[in-house]
């Protein structure tokens, strides 16, 4: 991508009302644009990151051991489905719409859609278990939206639903999902700062589980066990001062602010019973299907990645989710350097290496470097008279001080070797 053609604009100053680090940097670097409170446009740079995160999540949902099948459910839901579960009147963030004599909601979650859907396909124990997921827009009329894309009213979410005949089968799958979630966060570059956290809200068990990433911009407070690494949400920590992770039972905790980047619930029969979602067992007796649900907000995860990976100059994107792998910057405008940079750009594109080429001629080297640091692409490649004299380019990894000279002929293999 030629930077002169990129649809973006960087900013030096942002409103003082913007507090979260990720909010400031994503706005300043031209990744997102705020339409109104809690609603954002993902610009080309931000959209590329969002799709990288989406692809990581999709791969992990579809592959073993989760074996999820992807579907896409409608955002617009009929009132009747939400009345059956009682959530039309007691789910406080519903967006409600009226057209003629009909009422609808813009779905904040999809239990009210997937349960009656599953009923059309489940008849006997032989039809279970199965696992369905989607990546789709959700709407929640949050009273308080803050911290940029960490809390919004419209957001992209992955929700996975599992359907089981036995509690033990749900328990086994639940553990698999928890482990895969930790892998997803690691692949996105926040694994070391993200903790599986016991929380309130369980419907089929005493607790649900959240996945919390430690950051000063977080709205939650968690207590991290210094022995086993399990965390406890502040909401339930007051119940017990001992680590609930048996046999750990440590009393040593570290308190931290954090942002929730995912959650998992054992739903039991809470949403199968209202819709008559049942199966016939081997003995011929009917039983309600047992369910689990597992969510990740993609925008919030993107914000958490920036919260963890930044410095005073800007964003430091982990390689797996960066908008581009390399930022190609010529710093002289003479014909020889421009020709060399153009040739390199063509070579990298041919080698399927994602590259942002700063072909702008009205910017100084200092301006280009400052903007490159703000945007945060993993590798900065500098072409200059000095490097060209050695048939080389200067490579610097974002967030590190070391600068290397790499031969132009070796550049594609160097980037491919260091892609992960």
Protein backbone atom coordinates (compact mmCIF):
# COMPACT_ATOMS: atom_id res chain seq x y z
CA UNK A 1 0.00 0.00 0.00
CA UNK A 2 1.32 3.43 -0.93
CA UNK A 3 1.06 5.73 2.05
CA UNK A 4 0.23 8.66 -0.23
CA UNK A 5 -2.99 6.81 -1.16
CA UNK A 6 -3.86 5.50 2.31
CA UNK A 7 -7.13 6.81 3.74
CA UNK A 8 -5.95 8.03 7.14
CA UNK A 9 -4.80 11.10 9.00
CA UNK A 10 -2.60 11.31 12.06
CA UNK A 11 -3.18 13.82 14.85
CA UNK A 12 -0.75 15.40 17.30
CA UNK A 13 -3.39 16.40 19.84
CA UNK A 14 -6.56 14.67 21.03
CA UNK A 15 -9.35 15.99 23.25
CA UNK A 16 -8.54 15.99 26.96
CA UNK A 17 -11.73 13.97 27.51
CA UNK A 18 -9.98 10.97 25.92
CA UNK A 19 -8.38 9.04 28.78
CA UNK A 20 -7.55 5.46 27.78
CA UNK A 21 -4.15 4.97 26.14
CA UNK A 22 -5.64 2.80 23.39
CA UNK A 23 -8.34 5.38 22.66
CA UNK A 24 -5.75 8.16 22.29
CA UNK A 25 -3.37 6.18 20.12
CA UNK A 26 -5.96 4.63 17.82
CA UNK A 27 -7.47 8.05 17.17
CA UNK A 28 -4.11 9.80 16.77
CA UNK A 29 -2.69 7.14 14.44
CA UNK A 30 -5.75 7.07 12.19
CA UNK A 31 -7.01 3.55 12.96
CA UNK A 32 -10.54 4.54 14.03
CA UNK A 33 -12.89 7.50 13.81
CA UNK A 34 -15.57 8.29 16.37
CA UNK A 35 -19.04 8.90 14.90
CA UNK A 36 -20.72 9.46 18.26
CA UNK A 37 -20.41 8.20 21.83
CA UNK A 38 -19.78 4.46 21.74
CA UNK A 39 -19.85 4.15 17.94
CA UNK A 40 -16.73 3.95 15.76
CA UNK A 41 -15.68 3.57 12.14
CA UNK A 42 -12.70 1.30 11.61
CA UNK A 43 -10.53 3.03 9.01
CA UNK A 44 -8.31 1.00 6.63
CA UNK A 45 -5.46 0.59 9.15
CA UNK A 46 -7.86 -0.38 11.93
CA UNK A 47 -9.88 -2.66 9.68
CA UNK A 48 -6.76 -4.60 8.71
CA UNK A 49 -5.96 -5.20 12.39
CA UNK A 50 -9.56 -6.16 13.14
CA UNK A 51 -9.53 -8.73 10.31
CA UNK A 52 -6.26 -10.20 11.58
CA UNK A 53 -7.82 -10.66 15.02
CA UNK A 54 -10.98 -12.07 13.44
CA UNK A 55 -8.97 -14.62 11.46
CA UNK A 56 -7.05 -15.76 14.55
CA UNK A 57 -10.32 -16.27 16.41
CA UNK A 58 -12.04 -18.00 13.48
CA UNK A 59 -9.15 -20.43 13.01
CA UNK A 60 -9.18 -21.39 16.69
CA UNK A 61 -12.96 -21.80 16.80
CA UNK A 62 -13.14 -24.01 13.71
CA UNK A 63 -10.14 -26.25 14.35
CA UNK A 64 -9.79 -29.13 16.81
CA UNK A 65 -10.39 -29.36 19.72
CA UNK A 66 -13.38 -26.98 19.49
CA UNK A 67 -14.64 -28.00 16.02
CA UNK A 68 -17.06 -25.08 15.78
CA UNK A 69 -19.18 -24.56 12.67
CA UNK A 70 -19.63 -20.97 11.58
CA UNK A 71 -23.07 -19.48 10.99
CA UNK A 72 -24.47 -15.96 10.79
CA UNK A 73 -27.61 -15.01 12.71
CA UNK A 74 -29.72 -11.87 12.21
CA UNK A 75 -29.19 -8.71 14.23
CA UNK A 76 -32.92 -7.88 14.10
CA UNK A 77 -34.86 -10.10 16.53
CA UNK A 78 -38.61 -10.39 17.20
CA UNK A 79 -39.93 -9.28 20.58
CA UNK A 80 -41.65 -12.64 21.13
CA UNK A 81 -38.38 -14.58 21.46
CA UNK A 82 -37.11 -12.23 24.14
CA UNK A 83 -40.42 -12.38 26.00
CA UNK A 84 -40.09 -16.17 26.26
CA UNK A 85 -36.91 -15.82 28.29
CA UNK A 86 -38.13 -12.80 30.26
CA UNK A 87 -35.31 -10.64 28.96
CA UNK A 88 -37.50 -8.22 26.98
CA UNK A 89 -38.34 -6.47 30.25
CA UNK A 90 -35.28 -7.14 32.40
CA UNK A 91 -32.30 -6.89 30.03
CA UNK A 92 -31.44 -3.26 30.62
CA UNK A 93 -29.27 -2.59 27.55
CA UNK A 94 -31.73 -3.65 24.84
CA UNK A 95 -32.19 -1.37 21.85
CA UNK A 96 -35.93 -1.64 21.10
CA UNK A 97 -37.53 -0.76 17.77
CA UNK A 98 -41.13 -0.47 16.61
CA UNK A 99 -42.46 -0.73 13.05
CA UNK A 100 -46.23 -0.57 12.76
CA UNK A 101 -47.66 -2.89 15.40
CA UNK A 102 -44.52 -5.05 15.58
CA UNK A 103 -41.65 -4.63 18.06
CA UNK A 104 -38.06 -5.78 17.66
CA UNK A 105 -34.65 -5.60 19.30
CA UNK A 106 -31.16 -5.24 17.89
CA UNK A 107 -29.54 -8.30 19.42
CA UNK A 108 -26.99 -7.78 22.22
CA UNK A 109 -26.46 -11.56 22.33
CA UNK A 110 -28.05 -14.52 20.55
CA UNK A 111 -29.40 -17.14 22.97
CA UNK A 112 -32.93 -16.15 21.94
CA UNK A 113 -32.15 -16.95 18.32
CA UNK A 114 -29.86 -19.96 18.50
CA UNK A 115 -32.00 -21.97 20.92
CA UNK A 116 -35.12 -22.10 18.69
CA UNK A 117 -32.79 -22.63 15.71
CA UNK A 118 -31.21 -25.68 17.36
CA UNK A 119 -34.67 -27.08 18.15
CA UNK A 120 -35.24 -27.57 14.42
CA UNK A 121 -32.22 -29.90 14.24
CA UNK A 122 -32.14 -31.77 17.57
CA UNK A 123 -34.34 -34.82 18.13
CA UNK A 124 -32.27 -37.52 19.81
CA UNK A 125 -29.06 -37.96 21.78
CA UNK A 126 -27.44 -38.93 18.48
CA UNK A 127 -27.72 -35.31 17.34
CA UNK A 128 -25.53 -34.11 20.23
CA UNK A 129 -23.08 -32.59 20.90
CA UNK A 130 -22.47 -29.84 18.35
CA UNK A 131 -20.94 -26.38 18.39
CA UNK A 132 -21.95 -23.25 16.45
CA UNK A 133 -20.25 -19.86 16.34
CA UNK A 134 -20.59 -16.56 14.58
CA UNK A 135 -18.65 -13.31 14.25
CA UNK A 136 -21.24 -10.57 14.02
CA UNK A 137 -22.29 -7.08 15.11
CA UNK A 138 -23.98 -6.68 18.49
CA UNK A 139 -25.82 -3.70 19.98
CA UNK A 140 -26.03 -2.73 23.64
CA UNK A 141 -27.51 0.53 24.90
CA UNK A 142 -24.79 1.05 27.49
CA UNK A 143 -25.52 3.94 29.83
CA UNK A 144 -21.82 4.69 30.14
CA UNK A 145 -19.51 4.39 27.16
CA UNK A 146 -15.86 5.29 27.72
CA UNK A 147 -12.31 4.26 26.91
CA UNK A 148 -12.83 4.23 23.14
CA UNK A 149 -13.32 0.77 21.63
CA UNK A 150 -12.98 -0.87 25.05
CA UNK A 151 -16.67 -0.13 25.72
CA UNK A 152 -19.07 0.68 22.88
CA UNK A 153 -22.75 0.48 21.95
CA UNK A 154 -22.12 -1.25 18.62
CA UNK A 155 -19.39 -3.88 18.42
CA UNK A 156 -18.18 -6.97 16.61
CA UNK A 157 -18.36 -10.12 18.69
CA UNK A 158 -17.53 -13.78 18.37
CA UNK A 159 -20.08 -15.92 20.16
CA UNK A 160 -19.80 -19.69 20.33
CA UNK A 161 -22.61 -21.92 21.63
CA UNK A 162 -22.27 -25.56 22.59
CA UNK A 163 -25.10 -28.12 22.93
CA UNK A 164 -24.78 -31.24 25.09
CA UNK A 165 -26.71 -34.20 26.39
CA UNK A 166 -24.75 -34.53 29.63
CA UNK A 167 -23.23 -32.14 32.17
CA UNK A 168 -19.91 -33.96 32.06
CA UNK A 169 -19.65 -33.39 28.34
CA UNK A 170 -20.27 -29.66 28.85
CA UNK A 171 -17.61 -29.59 31.59
CA UNK A 172 -15.03 -31.15 29.26
CA UNK A 173 -15.81 -28.77 26.40
CA UNK A 174 -15.80 -25.77 28.74
CA UNK A 175 -12.22 -26.54 29.77
CA UNK A 176 -11.19 -26.89 26.13
CA UNK A 177 -12.64 -23.47 25.31
CA UNK A 178 -10.84 -21.88 28.27
CA UNK A 179 -7.51 -23.25 27.04
CA UNK A 180 -8.15 -22.14 23.46
CA UNK A 181 -9.03 -18.64 24.69
CA UNK A 182 -5.67 -18.38 26.40
CA UNK A 183 -4.02 -19.45 23.15
CA UNK A 184 -5.95 -16.77 21.22
CA UNK A 185 -4.76 -14.05 23.59
CA UNK A 186 -1.20 -15.30 23.29
CA UNK A 187 -1.41 -15.23 19.48
CA UNK A 188 -2.74 -11.66 19.66
CA UNK A 189 0.19 -10.54 21.80
CA UNK A 190 -1.41 -10.15 25.24
CA UNK A 191 -1.01 -13.66 26.65
CA UNK A 192 1.35 -12.71 29.48
CA UNK A 193 -0.98 -9.96 30.74
CA UNK A 194 -4.28 -11.91 30.43
CA UNK A 195 -5.69 -14.02 33.26
CA UNK A 196 -8.53 -16.49 33.53
CA UNK A 197 -10.70 -14.92 36.20
CA UNK A 198 -13.48 -16.27 38.39
CA UNK A 199 -16.51 -13.99 38.27
CA UNK A 200 -20.14 -13.85 39.30
CA UNK A 201 -22.93 -14.45 36.80
CA UNK A 202 -22.93 -18.23 36.59
CA UNK A 203 -26.35 -19.69 35.76
CA UNK A 204 -25.52 -23.38 35.84
CA UNK A 205 -22.54 -23.22 38.21
CA UNK A 206 -21.52 -20.94 41.06
CA UNK A 207 -19.17 -18.87 38.90
CA UNK A 208 -18.61 -17.87 35.32
CA UNK A 209 -15.15 -17.19 33.97
CA UNK A 210 -13.82 -13.98 32.48
CA UNK A 211 -10.53 -13.35 30.75
CA UNK A 212 -9.04 -10.12 32.02
CA UNK A 213 -6.10 -8.18 30.60
CA UNK A 214 -4.20 -6.03 33.09
CA UNK A 215 -4.20 -2.34 32.14
CA UNK A 216 -4.60 0.93 34.00
CA UNK A 217 -7.48 1.82 31.67
CA UNK A 218 -9.46 -1.20 32.84
CA UNK A 219 -12.82 -0.79 34.56
CA UNK A 220 -12.53 -3.99 36.57
CA UNK A 221 -10.39 -4.85 39.56
CA UNK A 222 -8.98 -8.36 39.80
CA UNK A 223 -6.89 -10.21 42.38
CA UNK A 224 -4.22 -12.44 40.84
CA UNK A 225 -3.01 -15.44 42.81
CA UNK A 226 0.78 -15.20 43.02
CA UNK A 227 1.10 -18.98 43.30
CA UNK A 228 -1.04 -20.40 40.46
CA UNK A 229 -1.89 -17.36 38.29
CA UNK A 230 -5.67 -17.72 38.53
CA UNK A 231 -7.45 -14.41 39.16
CA UNK A 232 -10.62 -13.52 41.05
CA UNK A 233 -12.87 -10.60 40.18
CA UNK A 234 -13.20 -8.01 42.94
CA UNK A 235 -16.96 -8.68 43.00
CA UNK A 236 -16.46 -12.11 44.54
CA UNK A 237 -13.02 -11.76 46.23
CA UNK A 238 -14.67 -10.50 49.39
CA UNK A 239 -16.36 -13.89 49.76
CA UNK A 240 -13.10 -15.68 50.43
CA UNK A 241 -9.48 -14.63 50.96
CA UNK A 242 -8.16 -18.02 49.86
CA UNK A 243 -7.45 -18.96 46.23
CA UNK A 244 -10.45 -20.98 44.97
CA UNK A 245 -8.25 -22.99 42.61
CA UNK A 246 -7.97 -26.32 44.47
CA UNK A 247 -5.45 -27.50 45.60
CA UNK A 248 -3.60 -24.14 45.47
CA UNK A 249 -5.42 -22.39 48.35
CA UNK A 250 -2.83 -19.61 48.51
CA UNK A 251 -3.59 -16.37 50.36
CA UNK A 252 -1.12 -14.27 48.35
CA UNK A 253 -2.81 -12.04 45.77
CA UNK A 254 -1.75 -9.12 43.60
CA UNK A 255 -4.41 -6.47 42.96
CA UNK A 256 -4.66 -4.95 39.46
CA UNK A 257 -6.98 -3.00 37.18
CA UNK A 258 -8.03 -4.92 34.09
CA UNK A 259 -10.30 -4.97 31.05
CA UNK A 260 -12.44 -7.99 30.21
CA UNK A 261 -11.53 -9.46 26.81
CA UNK A 262 -13.73 -12.56 26.90
CA UNK A 263 -16.09 -14.62 29.01
CA UNK A 264 -17.49 -18.15 29.16
CA UNK A 265 -20.69 -19.41 30.82
CA UNK A 266 -22.31 -22.73 31.56
CA UNK A 267 -25.91 -21.93 30.65
CA UNK A 268 -27.37 -25.29 31.57
CA UNK A 269 -31.02 -25.42 30.51
CA UNK A 270 -31.77 -21.71 31.05
CA UNK A 271 -32.36 -21.05 27.35
CA UNK A 272 -33.30 -24.52 26.12
CA UNK A 273 -36.37 -24.85 28.39
CA UNK A 274 -38.22 -21.69 27.20
CA UNK A 275 -37.98 -22.89 23.59
CA UNK A 276 -38.64 -26.59 24.17
CA UNK A 277 -35.15 -27.55 23.04
CA UNK A 278 -35.11 -31.22 24.07
CA UNK A 279 -33.62 -34.51 22.99
CA UNK A 280 -34.75 -38.12 23.41
CA UNK A 281 -32.26 -40.22 25.39
CA UNK A 282 -31.41 -43.89 24.81
CA UNK A 283 -34.15 -44.89 27.25
CA UNK A 284 -36.74 -42.93 25.28
CA UNK A 285 -37.17 -40.20 27.89
CA UNK A 286 -36.98 -36.56 26.81
CA UNK A 287 -34.50 -34.19 28.47
CA UNK A 288 -33.68 -30.50 27.92
CA UNK A 289 -30.46 -29.83 26.03
CA UNK A 290 -27.60 -28.47 28.17
CA UNK A 291 -25.86 -25.38 26.74
CA UNK A 292 -22.72 -23.30 27.11
CA UNK A 293 -21.80 -19.94 25.61
CA UNK A 294 -18.44 -18.31 25.00
CA UNK A 295 -17.85 -14.72 23.87
CA UNK A 296 -15.01 -12.47 22.69
CA UNK A 297 -15.46 -8.83 21.68
CA UNK A 298 -13.10 -8.18 18.77
CA UNK A 299 -12.90 -4.40 19.10
CA UNK A 300 -12.31 -4.63 22.83
CA UNK A 301 -9.58 -7.20 22.21
CA UNK A 302 -7.97 -4.84 19.69
CA UNK A 303 -8.07 -2.04 22.27
CA UNK A 304 -6.51 -4.31 24.90
CA UNK A 305 -3.69 -5.20 22.50
CA UNK A 306 -2.85 -1.49 22.21
CA UNK A 307 -3.17 -0.98 25.97
CA UNK A 308 -0.47 -3.59 26.50
CA UNK A 309 1.75 -2.85 23.49
CA UNK A 310 2.77 0.81 23.35
CA UNK A 311 5.39 3.31 24.43
CA UNK A 312 5.73 7.10 24.57
CA UNK A 313 6.05 7.24 20.77
CA UNK A 314 2.97 5.23 19.82
CA UNK A 315 1.65 1.73 19.19
CA UNK A 316 3.84 -1.39 19.03
CA UNK A 317 1.74 -3.93 17.12
CA UNK A 318 2.43 -7.64 17.73
CA UNK A 319 3.38 -9.24 14.42
CA UNK A 320 0.29 -11.48 14.17
CA UNK A 321 -2.16 -8.56 14.24
CA UNK A 322 -0.16 -5.67 12.74
CA UNK A 323 -1.79 -3.90 9.78
CA UNK A 324 1.41 -4.42 7.76
CA UNK A 325 4.59 -6.34 8.48
CA UNK A 326 6.97 -3.73 7.11
CA UNK A 327 7.07 0.05 6.71
CA UNK A 328 9.29 1.02 3.78
CA UNK A 329 10.70 4.56 4.10
CA UNK A 330 13.05 6.30 1.66
CA UNK A 331 14.58 9.36 3.34
CA UNK A 332 16.12 11.10 0.33
CA UNK A 333 14.20 12.30 -2.67
CA UNK A 334 16.92 11.84 -5.28
CA UNK A 335 16.18 9.68 -8.28
CA UNK A 336 18.46 6.82 -7.25
CA UNK A 337 16.82 6.33 -3.83
CA UNK A 338 13.29 6.65 -5.21
CA UNK A 339 14.09 4.07 -7.88
CA UNK A 340 15.57 1.68 -5.29
CA UNK A 341 12.58 2.07 -2.97
CA UNK A 342 10.13 1.51 -5.84
CA UNK A 343 11.97 -1.66 -6.84
CA UNK A 344 11.96 -2.92 -3.25
CA UNK A 345 8.25 -2.20 -2.95
CA UNK A 346 7.52 -4.28 -6.03
CA UNK A 347 9.72 -7.14 -4.80
CA UNK A 348 8.06 -7.26 -1.38
CA UNK A 349 4.60 -7.23 -2.91
CA UNK A 350 5.56 -10.07 -5.25
CA UNK A 351 6.83 -12.04 -2.25
CA UNK A 352 3.42 -11.57 -0.52
CA UNK A 353 4.95 -9.46 2.27
CA UNK A 354 2.52 -6.86 3.58
CA UNK A 355 4.24 -3.51 3.21
CA UNK A 356 3.26 0.12 3.70
CA UNK A 357 5.41 2.23 1.39
CA UNK A 358 5.92 5.84 2.48
CA UNK A 359 6.20 7.33 -0.99
CA UNK A 360 5.36 10.88 0.17
CA UNK A 361 7.81 13.50 -1.05
CA UNK A 362 6.58 16.40 1.10
CA UNK A 363 7.61 14.91 4.46
CA UNK A 364 11.00 15.11 6.18
CA UNK A 365 12.78 12.01 7.48
CA UNK A 366 11.93 13.09 11.05
CA UNK A 367 8.23 13.42 10.21
CA UNK A 368 8.20 10.02 8.53
CA UNK A 369 9.94 8.34 11.46
CA UNK A 370 7.63 9.94 14.04
CA UNK A 371 4.56 8.81 12.13
CA UNK A 372 5.98 5.32 11.67
CA UNK A 373 6.51 5.02 15.43
CA UNK A 374 2.96 6.23 16.07
CA UNK A 375 1.41 3.72 13.65
CA UNK A 376 3.57 0.94 15.08
CA UNK A 377 4.26 -1.48 12.19
CA UNK A 378 6.74 -4.17 13.34
CA UNK A 379 9.64 -3.47 10.94
CA UNK A 380 10.85 -0.09 9.64
CA UNK A 381 12.94 -0.38 6.47
CA UNK A 382 14.95 2.72 5.62
CA UNK A 383 16.45 3.36 2.18
CA UNK A 384 19.07 6.13 2.01
CA UNK A 385 22.20 7.11 0.12
CA UNK A 386 24.25 5.62 2.92
CA UNK A 387 22.51 2.23 2.82
CA UNK A 388 22.25 2.12 -0.97
CA UNK A 389 26.02 2.52 -1.23
CA UNK A 390 26.28 -0.84 0.53
CA UNK A 391 23.41 -2.45 -1.45
CA UNK A 392 21.59 -2.66 1.86
CA UNK A 393 18.68 -1.27 3.82
CA UNK A 394 18.47 -0.25 7.45
CA UNK A 395 16.03 -2.32 9.50
CA UNK A 396 14.73 -1.43 12.94
CA UNK A 397 12.13 -3.43 14.85
CA UNK A 398 9.47 -1.25 16.48
CA UNK A 399 10.04 -0.94 20.21
CA UNK A 400 13.70 -1.97 20.03
CA UNK A 401 16.84 0.17 19.74
CA UNK A 402 19.00 -2.11 17.62
CA UNK A 403 19.42 -1.16 13.95
CA UNK A 404 20.58 -3.74 11.40
CA UNK A 405 21.94 -3.47 7.89
CA UNK A 406 20.44 -6.15 5.65
CA UNK A 407 21.42 -6.74 2.05
CA UNK A 408 18.65 -5.83 -0.38
CA UNK A 409 18.85 -9.29 -1.92
CA UNK A 410 18.27 -10.87 1.53
CA UNK A 411 15.41 -8.61 2.64
CA UNK A 412 12.45 -10.85 1.63
CA UNK A 413 13.96 -13.91 3.32
CA UNK A 414 14.77 -11.85 6.45
CA UNK A 415 11.16 -10.61 6.74
CA UNK A 416 9.68 -14.05 6.10
CA UNK A 417 11.96 -15.59 8.71
CA UNK A 418 10.89 -12.99 11.28
CA UNK A 419 7.20 -12.86 10.36
CA UNK A 420 6.02 -14.44 13.64
